[in-house]
N, C-alpha and C. Protein backbone atom coordinates (compact mmCIF):
# COMPACT_ATOMS: atom_id res chain seq x y z
N UNK A 1 10.75 -31.01 18.57
CA UNK A 1 10.72 -29.66 18.06
C UNK A 1 9.39 -29.46 17.32
N UNK A 2 8.65 -28.37 17.65
CA UNK A 2 7.36 -28.16 16.99
C UNK A 2 7.53 -27.84 15.51
N UNK A 3 6.58 -28.32 14.76
CA UNK A 3 6.60 -28.10 13.32
C UNK A 3 6.04 -26.71 13.02
N UNK A 4 6.68 -25.98 12.08
CA UNK A 4 6.19 -24.66 11.69
C UNK A 4 4.84 -24.82 10.99
N UNK A 5 3.91 -23.89 11.26
CA UNK A 5 2.61 -23.99 10.58
C UNK A 5 2.77 -23.72 9.08
N UNK A 6 1.86 -24.30 8.32
CA UNK A 6 1.86 -24.10 6.87
C UNK A 6 1.66 -22.61 6.57
N UNK A 7 2.39 -22.06 5.60
CA UNK A 7 2.15 -20.66 5.25
C UNK A 7 0.79 -20.52 4.59
N UNK A 8 0.09 -19.46 4.92
CA UNK A 8 -1.24 -19.22 4.37
C UNK A 8 -1.13 -18.56 3.00
N UNK A 9 -2.11 -18.81 2.16
CA UNK A 9 -2.15 -18.14 0.86
C UNK A 9 -2.42 -16.65 1.04
N UNK A 10 -3.28 -16.32 1.98
CA UNK A 10 -3.59 -14.93 2.27
C UNK A 10 -3.32 -14.68 3.74
N UNK A 11 -2.80 -13.50 4.06
CA UNK A 11 -2.55 -13.21 5.47
C UNK A 11 -3.86 -12.99 6.22
N UNK A 12 -3.82 -13.23 7.50
CA UNK A 12 -4.96 -12.88 8.32
C UNK A 12 -5.94 -14.01 8.53
N UNK A 13 -7.01 -13.69 9.23
CA UNK A 13 -8.01 -14.70 9.58
C UNK A 13 -8.85 -15.12 8.37
N UNK A 14 -9.68 -16.13 8.59
CA UNK A 14 -10.49 -16.71 7.52
C UNK A 14 -11.40 -15.68 6.87
N UNK A 15 -11.94 -14.74 7.64
CA UNK A 15 -12.88 -13.78 7.07
C UNK A 15 -12.20 -12.84 6.08
N UNK A 16 -10.90 -12.62 6.26
CA UNK A 16 -10.16 -11.79 5.32
C UNK A 16 -10.10 -12.49 3.96
N UNK A 17 -9.78 -13.77 3.97
CA UNK A 17 -9.74 -14.55 2.72
C UNK A 17 -11.13 -14.65 2.11
N UNK A 18 -12.15 -14.86 2.94
CA UNK A 18 -13.52 -14.95 2.44
C UNK A 18 -13.94 -13.64 1.78
N UNK A 19 -13.54 -12.52 2.36
CA UNK A 19 -13.88 -11.22 1.78
C UNK A 19 -13.17 -11.01 0.44
N UNK A 20 -11.94 -11.50 0.32
CA UNK A 20 -11.21 -11.41 -0.95
C UNK A 20 -11.89 -12.26 -2.03
N UNK A 21 -12.36 -13.45 -1.66
CA UNK A 21 -13.08 -14.30 -2.61
C UNK A 21 -14.38 -13.62 -3.01
N UNK A 22 -15.09 -13.05 -2.05
CA UNK A 22 -16.33 -12.33 -2.35
C UNK A 22 -16.06 -11.16 -3.30
N UNK A 23 -14.97 -10.43 -3.08
CA UNK A 23 -14.62 -9.31 -3.96
C UNK A 23 -14.44 -9.80 -5.40
N UNK A 24 -13.75 -10.92 -5.57
CA UNK A 24 -13.54 -11.47 -6.91
C UNK A 24 -14.87 -11.88 -7.54
N UNK A 25 -15.73 -12.52 -6.77
CA UNK A 25 -17.04 -12.94 -7.29
C UNK A 25 -17.90 -11.74 -7.66
N UNK A 26 -17.82 -10.66 -6.88
CA UNK A 26 -18.55 -9.44 -7.21
C UNK A 26 -18.04 -8.82 -8.51
N UNK A 27 -16.73 -8.90 -8.73
CA UNK A 27 -16.16 -8.38 -9.98
C UNK A 27 -16.67 -9.18 -11.18
N UNK A 28 -16.71 -10.50 -11.05
CA UNK A 28 -17.23 -11.33 -12.13
C UNK A 28 -18.72 -11.07 -12.35
N UNK A 29 -19.47 -10.94 -11.26
CA UNK A 29 -20.90 -10.66 -11.37
C UNK A 29 -21.13 -9.31 -12.04
N UNK A 30 -20.28 -8.33 -11.73
CA UNK A 30 -20.42 -7.01 -12.35
C UNK A 30 -20.30 -7.11 -13.86
N UNK A 31 -19.35 -7.87 -14.34
CA UNK A 31 -19.20 -8.03 -15.79
C UNK A 31 -20.42 -8.71 -16.40
N UNK A 32 -20.92 -9.73 -15.74
CA UNK A 32 -22.11 -10.43 -16.24
C UNK A 32 -23.32 -9.50 -16.25
N UNK A 33 -23.50 -8.72 -15.19
CA UNK A 33 -24.65 -7.82 -15.11
C UNK A 33 -24.56 -6.70 -16.13
N UNK A 34 -23.38 -6.16 -16.33
CA UNK A 34 -23.21 -5.11 -17.34
C UNK A 34 -23.49 -5.65 -18.73
N UNK A 35 -23.06 -6.88 -18.98
CA UNK A 35 -23.33 -7.51 -20.27
C UNK A 35 -24.83 -7.78 -20.44
N UNK A 36 -25.46 -8.30 -19.41
CA UNK A 36 -26.90 -8.57 -19.45
C UNK A 36 -27.66 -7.28 -19.75
N UNK A 37 -27.30 -6.21 -19.05
CA UNK A 37 -27.94 -4.92 -19.29
C UNK A 37 -27.76 -4.49 -20.74
N UNK A 38 -26.53 -4.60 -21.24
CA UNK A 38 -26.26 -4.18 -22.61
C UNK A 38 -27.07 -4.95 -23.64
N UNK A 39 -27.14 -6.26 -23.48
CA UNK A 39 -27.88 -7.08 -24.43
C UNK A 39 -29.39 -6.87 -24.31
N UNK A 40 -29.85 -6.29 -23.20
CA UNK A 40 -31.28 -6.07 -22.98
C UNK A 40 -31.72 -4.65 -23.30
N UNK A 41 -30.80 -3.75 -23.57
CA UNK A 41 -31.13 -2.34 -23.62
C UNK A 41 -31.34 -1.77 -25.02
N UNK A 42 -30.53 -2.15 -25.96
CA UNK A 42 -30.53 -1.53 -27.28
C UNK A 42 -31.84 -1.66 -28.02
N UNK A 43 -32.05 -0.74 -28.97
CA UNK A 43 -33.27 -0.75 -29.78
C UNK A 43 -33.20 -1.78 -30.90
N UNK A 44 -31.98 -2.08 -31.36
CA UNK A 44 -31.84 -3.07 -32.42
C UNK A 44 -30.69 -4.02 -32.06
N UNK A 45 -30.54 -5.03 -32.87
CA UNK A 45 -29.56 -6.08 -32.57
C UNK A 45 -28.14 -5.53 -32.54
N UNK A 46 -27.81 -4.65 -33.47
CA UNK A 46 -26.45 -4.11 -33.53
C UNK A 46 -26.13 -3.34 -32.25
N UNK A 47 -27.04 -2.49 -31.81
CA UNK A 47 -26.81 -1.72 -30.59
C UNK A 47 -26.74 -2.63 -29.36
N UNK A 48 -27.59 -3.64 -29.32
CA UNK A 48 -27.56 -4.58 -28.19
C UNK A 48 -26.23 -5.31 -28.11
N UNK A 49 -25.74 -5.77 -29.24
CA UNK A 49 -24.45 -6.47 -29.24
C UNK A 49 -23.34 -5.50 -28.87
N UNK A 50 -23.39 -4.28 -29.41
CA UNK A 50 -22.35 -3.29 -29.09
C UNK A 50 -22.33 -2.98 -27.60
N UNK A 51 -23.50 -2.80 -26.99
CA UNK A 51 -23.56 -2.52 -25.55
C UNK A 51 -23.23 -3.76 -24.73
N UNK A 52 -23.75 -4.90 -25.15
CA UNK A 52 -23.53 -6.14 -24.40
C UNK A 52 -22.08 -6.58 -24.37
N UNK A 53 -21.33 -6.23 -25.40
CA UNK A 53 -19.91 -6.57 -25.45
C UNK A 53 -19.06 -5.37 -25.04
N UNK A 54 -19.43 -4.18 -25.50
CA UNK A 54 -18.61 -2.99 -25.28
C UNK A 54 -18.57 -2.50 -23.85
N UNK A 55 -19.69 -2.51 -23.16
CA UNK A 55 -19.71 -2.02 -21.77
C UNK A 55 -18.85 -2.89 -20.86
N UNK A 56 -18.98 -4.22 -20.91
CA UNK A 56 -18.07 -5.04 -20.08
C UNK A 56 -16.60 -4.88 -20.48
N UNK A 57 -16.32 -4.74 -21.78
CA UNK A 57 -14.94 -4.53 -22.20
C UNK A 57 -14.38 -3.22 -21.66
N UNK A 58 -15.20 -2.17 -21.66
CA UNK A 58 -14.76 -0.90 -21.09
C UNK A 58 -14.51 -1.05 -19.59
N UNK A 59 -15.37 -1.80 -18.91
CA UNK A 59 -15.19 -2.04 -17.47
C UNK A 59 -13.90 -2.81 -17.22
N UNK A 60 -13.63 -3.81 -18.05
CA UNK A 60 -12.40 -4.59 -17.90
C UNK A 60 -11.18 -3.71 -18.11
N UNK A 61 -11.23 -2.85 -19.11
CA UNK A 61 -10.10 -1.95 -19.39
C UNK A 61 -9.86 -0.99 -18.22
N UNK A 62 -10.93 -0.38 -17.72
CA UNK A 62 -10.81 0.52 -16.57
C UNK A 62 -10.23 -0.20 -15.37
N UNK A 63 -10.78 -1.36 -15.08
CA UNK A 63 -10.35 -2.14 -13.91
C UNK A 63 -8.89 -2.55 -14.05
N UNK A 64 -8.54 -3.05 -15.21
CA UNK A 64 -7.17 -3.51 -15.42
C UNK A 64 -6.15 -2.40 -15.34
N UNK A 65 -6.52 -1.22 -15.80
CA UNK A 65 -5.58 -0.10 -15.77
C UNK A 65 -5.46 0.54 -14.40
N UNK A 66 -6.57 0.62 -13.65
CA UNK A 66 -6.57 1.44 -12.45
C UNK A 66 -6.91 0.73 -11.14
N UNK A 67 -7.68 -0.36 -11.16
CA UNK A 67 -8.19 -0.91 -9.91
C UNK A 67 -7.67 -2.30 -9.57
N UNK A 68 -7.11 -3.01 -10.52
CA UNK A 68 -6.60 -4.35 -10.25
C UNK A 68 -5.40 -4.28 -9.30
N UNK A 69 -5.19 -5.33 -8.50
CA UNK A 69 -4.05 -5.32 -7.57
C UNK A 69 -2.71 -5.05 -8.26
N UNK A 70 -2.54 -5.54 -9.48
CA UNK A 70 -1.30 -5.28 -10.22
C UNK A 70 -1.57 -4.38 -11.42
N UNK A 71 -2.37 -3.34 -11.19
CA UNK A 71 -2.75 -2.42 -12.27
C UNK A 71 -1.53 -1.71 -12.83
N UNK A 72 -1.59 -1.43 -14.11
CA UNK A 72 -0.47 -0.74 -14.77
C UNK A 72 -0.32 0.67 -14.25
N UNK A 73 -1.42 1.34 -13.98
CA UNK A 73 -1.40 2.72 -13.50
C UNK A 73 -2.14 2.76 -12.17
N UNK A 74 -1.50 2.39 -11.10
CA UNK A 74 -2.18 2.34 -9.79
C UNK A 74 -2.22 3.75 -9.20
N UNK A 75 -3.36 4.44 -9.32
CA UNK A 75 -3.47 5.79 -8.78
C UNK A 75 -3.70 5.77 -7.27
N UNK A 76 -3.86 6.95 -6.70
CA UNK A 76 -4.15 7.08 -5.27
C UNK A 76 -5.51 6.44 -4.97
N UNK A 77 -5.72 6.09 -3.71
CA UNK A 77 -6.93 5.38 -3.29
C UNK A 77 -8.23 6.03 -3.74
N UNK A 78 -8.41 7.36 -3.65
CA UNK A 78 -9.69 7.93 -4.09
C UNK A 78 -10.02 7.61 -5.55
N UNK A 79 -9.02 7.56 -6.41
CA UNK A 79 -9.26 7.27 -7.82
C UNK A 79 -9.54 5.78 -8.04
N UNK A 80 -8.90 4.94 -7.26
CA UNK A 80 -9.20 3.50 -7.32
C UNK A 80 -10.65 3.28 -6.90
N UNK A 81 -11.06 3.94 -5.83
CA UNK A 81 -12.45 3.80 -5.36
C UNK A 81 -13.44 4.35 -6.39
N UNK A 82 -13.05 5.39 -7.11
CA UNK A 82 -13.91 5.94 -8.16
C UNK A 82 -14.12 4.90 -9.27
N UNK A 83 -13.05 4.25 -9.68
CA UNK A 83 -13.17 3.21 -10.71
C UNK A 83 -14.03 2.06 -10.20
N UNK A 84 -13.82 1.66 -8.95
CA UNK A 84 -14.63 0.58 -8.37
C UNK A 84 -16.10 0.99 -8.29
N UNK A 85 -16.35 2.25 -7.95
CA UNK A 85 -17.73 2.74 -7.90
C UNK A 85 -18.36 2.71 -9.29
N UNK A 86 -17.60 3.08 -10.31
CA UNK A 86 -18.13 3.06 -11.67
C UNK A 86 -18.47 1.64 -12.12
N UNK A 87 -17.57 0.72 -11.88
CA UNK A 87 -17.77 -0.65 -12.37
C UNK A 87 -18.76 -1.41 -11.49
N UNK A 88 -18.47 -1.48 -10.19
CA UNK A 88 -19.34 -2.26 -9.30
C UNK A 88 -20.67 -1.56 -9.05
N UNK A 89 -20.62 -0.25 -8.86
CA UNK A 89 -21.87 0.51 -8.71
C UNK A 89 -22.68 0.49 -9.99
N UNK A 90 -21.97 0.55 -11.12
CA UNK A 90 -22.66 0.47 -12.41
C UNK A 90 -23.39 -0.84 -12.59
N UNK A 91 -22.85 -1.91 -12.03
CA UNK A 91 -23.53 -3.20 -12.14
C UNK A 91 -24.81 -3.21 -11.31
N UNK A 92 -24.79 -2.54 -10.16
CA UNK A 92 -26.01 -2.44 -9.35
C UNK A 92 -27.05 -1.58 -10.07
N UNK A 93 -26.61 -0.50 -10.69
CA UNK A 93 -27.52 0.35 -11.47
C UNK A 93 -28.09 -0.44 -12.65
N UNK A 94 -27.25 -1.23 -13.30
CA UNK A 94 -27.71 -2.05 -14.42
C UNK A 94 -28.77 -3.05 -13.96
N UNK A 95 -28.54 -3.67 -12.82
CA UNK A 95 -29.51 -4.62 -12.28
C UNK A 95 -30.82 -3.92 -11.94
N UNK A 96 -30.73 -2.71 -11.40
CA UNK A 96 -31.93 -1.92 -11.10
C UNK A 96 -32.68 -1.59 -12.40
N UNK A 97 -31.93 -1.20 -13.43
CA UNK A 97 -32.55 -0.86 -14.71
C UNK A 97 -33.22 -2.07 -15.36
N UNK A 98 -32.74 -3.25 -15.04
CA UNK A 98 -33.34 -4.48 -15.56
C UNK A 98 -34.61 -4.86 -14.81
N UNK A 99 -34.95 -4.09 -13.77
CA UNK A 99 -36.19 -4.33 -13.04
C UNK A 99 -36.05 -5.12 -11.76
N UNK A 100 -34.85 -5.45 -11.38
CA UNK A 100 -34.61 -6.22 -10.15
C UNK A 100 -34.18 -5.26 -9.04
N UNK A 101 -35.14 -4.49 -8.55
CA UNK A 101 -34.85 -3.39 -7.64
C UNK A 101 -34.29 -3.84 -6.30
N UNK A 102 -34.91 -4.82 -5.68
CA UNK A 102 -34.45 -5.28 -4.37
C UNK A 102 -33.06 -5.92 -4.50
N UNK A 103 -32.88 -6.74 -5.50
CA UNK A 103 -31.57 -7.37 -5.71
C UNK A 103 -30.49 -6.32 -5.96
N UNK A 104 -30.84 -5.25 -6.67
CA UNK A 104 -29.87 -4.19 -6.95
C UNK A 104 -29.46 -3.47 -5.66
N UNK A 105 -30.42 -3.24 -4.79
CA UNK A 105 -30.11 -2.57 -3.52
C UNK A 105 -29.25 -3.49 -2.64
N UNK A 106 -29.60 -4.76 -2.59
CA UNK A 106 -28.79 -5.72 -1.82
C UNK A 106 -27.38 -5.78 -2.39
N UNK A 107 -27.25 -5.84 -3.70
CA UNK A 107 -25.94 -5.87 -4.34
C UNK A 107 -25.14 -4.62 -3.99
N UNK A 108 -25.77 -3.46 -4.05
CA UNK A 108 -25.08 -2.21 -3.73
C UNK A 108 -24.56 -2.21 -2.30
N UNK A 109 -25.36 -2.69 -1.36
CA UNK A 109 -24.94 -2.74 0.04
C UNK A 109 -23.77 -3.71 0.21
N UNK A 110 -23.86 -4.88 -0.41
CA UNK A 110 -22.77 -5.86 -0.32
C UNK A 110 -21.50 -5.30 -0.92
N UNK A 111 -21.60 -4.61 -2.05
CA UNK A 111 -20.42 -4.01 -2.71
C UNK A 111 -19.77 -2.98 -1.80
N UNK A 112 -20.58 -2.12 -1.18
CA UNK A 112 -20.02 -1.07 -0.32
C UNK A 112 -19.32 -1.68 0.89
N UNK A 113 -19.96 -2.63 1.55
CA UNK A 113 -19.36 -3.26 2.73
C UNK A 113 -18.10 -4.03 2.34
N UNK A 114 -18.18 -4.81 1.28
CA UNK A 114 -17.02 -5.59 0.83
C UNK A 114 -15.85 -4.69 0.46
N UNK A 115 -16.12 -3.63 -0.26
CA UNK A 115 -15.04 -2.72 -0.68
C UNK A 115 -14.44 -2.02 0.53
N UNK A 116 -15.27 -1.60 1.47
CA UNK A 116 -14.75 -0.93 2.67
C UNK A 116 -13.84 -1.87 3.47
N UNK A 117 -14.28 -3.10 3.67
CA UNK A 117 -13.47 -4.06 4.42
C UNK A 117 -12.19 -4.39 3.64
N UNK A 118 -12.33 -4.63 2.34
CA UNK A 118 -11.17 -5.01 1.54
C UNK A 118 -10.12 -3.90 1.51
N UNK A 119 -10.54 -2.68 1.24
CA UNK A 119 -9.56 -1.59 1.14
C UNK A 119 -8.95 -1.25 2.49
N UNK A 120 -9.72 -1.38 3.56
CA UNK A 120 -9.17 -1.11 4.89
C UNK A 120 -8.10 -2.13 5.25
N UNK A 121 -8.40 -3.41 5.05
CA UNK A 121 -7.49 -4.45 5.50
C UNK A 121 -6.41 -4.81 4.48
N UNK A 122 -6.55 -4.40 3.23
CA UNK A 122 -5.46 -4.60 2.28
C UNK A 122 -4.30 -3.67 2.62
N UNK A 123 -4.62 -2.50 3.13
CA UNK A 123 -3.58 -1.54 3.48
C UNK A 123 -2.96 -1.86 4.84
N UNK A 124 -3.73 -2.44 5.74
CA UNK A 124 -3.26 -2.85 7.06
C UNK A 124 -3.76 -4.26 7.32
N UNK A 125 -3.15 -5.28 6.69
CA UNK A 125 -3.68 -6.63 6.83
C UNK A 125 -3.67 -7.11 8.28
N UNK A 126 -4.71 -7.84 8.67
CA UNK A 126 -4.71 -8.40 10.01
C UNK A 126 -3.60 -9.43 10.14
N UNK A 127 -3.04 -9.50 11.31
CA UNK A 127 -1.91 -10.40 11.54
C UNK A 127 -2.43 -11.75 11.98
N UNK A 128 -1.93 -12.79 11.36
CA UNK A 128 -2.31 -14.15 11.75
C UNK A 128 -1.50 -14.50 12.98
N UNK A 129 -2.20 -14.86 14.03
CA UNK A 129 -1.50 -15.23 15.26
C UNK A 129 -1.20 -16.72 15.23
N UNK A 130 0.01 -17.04 15.60
CA UNK A 130 0.42 -18.44 15.62
C UNK A 130 -0.16 -19.11 16.86
N UNK A 131 -0.54 -20.37 16.74
CA UNK A 131 -1.03 -21.07 17.93
C UNK A 131 0.10 -21.21 18.94
N UNK A 132 -0.25 -21.28 20.21
CA UNK A 132 0.80 -21.41 21.22
C UNK A 132 1.59 -22.70 21.02
N UNK A 133 2.87 -22.60 21.23
CA UNK A 133 3.74 -23.76 21.06
C UNK A 133 3.50 -24.75 22.19
N UNK A 134 3.36 -26.01 21.82
CA UNK A 134 3.18 -27.03 22.86
C UNK A 134 4.54 -27.45 23.38
N UNK A 135 4.57 -27.72 24.66
CA UNK A 135 5.84 -28.07 25.31
C UNK A 135 5.95 -29.56 25.46
């Protein structure tokens, strides 16, 4: 009798899981970039600390309330995408403001493609096909 395949942690092919990991890494990078921008922007130490800590905290609060998979207030998709645009797009703008123009454009393109793939396939996950049973 053939053995059942191990259940996958994420449904679908490997690229689906890779895209989910990339999405998580982009979220972490967004927080780091927003913090970097904040600590580099203010005119004095107090403002720099306030921006460096406050902007990422505001992003975390927005994300946790509206965009996280288990968000407390999960709105319709357009509003989720708006929050993602504010946080992830804001990180690309922050990187641009820090003088890393090419990296900011690359980040923005990666964020758009990753979000499009993630949101498309989270709503209609690809089906993992089982290997043919051996006789």
